[in-house]
Amino acid sequence: MGKAVAFLLAVIGAIVVVGWVVHAIIGPLFYLALIVALVGGGIYLYGKAKKSLAPGTRTQRRIEAAQKTYRMRNR
């Protein structure tokens, strides 16, 4: 009976140690992946915004027309 309890405690201890080691290795990788996803998303959104305001787009023409109207009104 004593050997079975010792073996059971050894198995539980091994599981805890392996879990701790895996968590210590995978934890930083998770945060690294999160940072990469955030930076990639930011670059994607920046590119979309820059492209939408490029010369010749409808949004850019509207901005230029509004600026022209504002300048003409405030002479």
Protein backbone atom coordinates (compact mmCIF):
# COMPACT_ATOMS: atom_id res chain seq x y z
CA MET A 1 0.00 0.00 0.00
CA GLY A 2 2.83 2.40 0.85
CA LYS A 3 4.53 1.83 -2.49
CA ALA A 4 1.29 2.56 -4.38
CA VAL A 5 0.81 5.87 -2.54
CA ALA A 6 4.45 6.82 -3.17
CA PHE A 7 4.10 5.92 -6.85
CA LEU A 8 0.85 7.92 -7.11
CA LEU A 9 2.49 10.95 -5.48
CA ALA A 10 5.47 10.61 -7.81
CA VAL A 11 3.20 10.52 -10.87
CA ILE A 12 1.21 13.55 -9.66
CA GLY A 13 4.45 15.41 -8.92
CA ALA A 14 5.81 14.59 -12.37
CA ILE A 15 2.61 15.85 -13.99
CA VAL A 16 2.84 19.11 -12.01
CA VAL A 17 6.51 19.61 -12.92
CA VAL A 18 5.92 18.84 -16.61
CA GLY A 19 2.92 21.18 -16.64
CA TRP A 20 5.00 23.95 -15.07
CA VAL A 21 7.82 23.47 -17.59
CA VAL A 22 5.42 23.44 -20.55
CA HIS A 23 3.68 26.55 -19.22
CA ALA A 24 7.04 28.29 -18.79
CA ILE A 25 7.95 27.52 -22.41
CA ILE A 26 4.58 28.09 -24.10
CA GLY A 27 3.58 31.16 -22.03
CA PRO A 28 6.12 33.51 -23.64
CA LEU A 29 5.39 32.01 -27.07
CA PHE A 30 1.70 32.89 -26.61
CA TYR A 31 2.56 36.50 -25.80
CA LEU A 32 4.99 36.63 -28.72
CA ALA A 33 2.26 35.38 -31.06
CA LEU A 34 -0.15 37.95 -29.61
CA ILE A 35 2.33 40.78 -30.21
CA VAL A 36 2.99 39.59 -33.78
CA ALA A 37 -0.76 39.49 -34.46
CA LEU A 38 -1.26 43.00 -33.08
CA VAL A 39 1.63 44.47 -35.06
CA GLY A 40 0.49 42.69 -38.22
CA GLY A 41 -3.05 43.96 -37.74
CA GLY A 42 -1.78 47.50 -37.22
CA ILE A 43 0.28 47.34 -40.40
CA TYR A 44 -2.74 45.98 -42.30
CA LEU A 45 -5.02 48.76 -41.02
CA TYR A 46 -2.40 51.43 -41.75
CA GLY A 47 -2.09 50.16 -45.32
CA LYS A 48 -5.86 50.16 -45.79
CA ALA A 49 -6.18 53.71 -44.42
CA LYS A 50 -3.29 54.97 -46.53
CA LYS A 51 -4.73 53.38 -49.66
CA SER A 52 -8.19 54.84 -49.01
CA LEU A 53 -6.72 58.36 -48.83
CA ALA A 54 -4.50 57.97 -51.88
CA PRO A 55 -4.73 60.62 -54.63
CA GLY A 56 -7.62 59.99 -57.00
CA THR A 57 -9.80 58.08 -54.57
CA ARG A 58 -13.31 59.28 -53.83
CA THR A 59 -12.42 60.05 -50.22
CA GLN A 60 -9.41 62.15 -51.23
CA ARG A 61 -11.45 64.09 -53.81
CA ARG A 62 -14.12 64.83 -51.17
CA ILE A 63 -11.45 66.08 -48.75
CA GLU A 64 -9.94 68.32 -51.43
CA ALA A 65 -13.36 69.69 -52.42
CA ALA A 66 -14.17 70.47 -48.79
CA GLN A 67 -10.82 72.24 -48.36
CA LYS A 68 -11.40 74.27 -51.50
CA THR A 69 -14.89 75.26 -50.35
CA TYR A 70 -13.55 76.20 -46.91
CA ARG A 71 -10.78 78.36 -48.42
CA MET A 72 -13.22 80.11 -50.78
CA ARG A 73 -15.67 80.79 -47.96
CA ASN A 74 -13.01 82.24 -45.63
CA ARG A 75 -11.26 84.69 -47.94
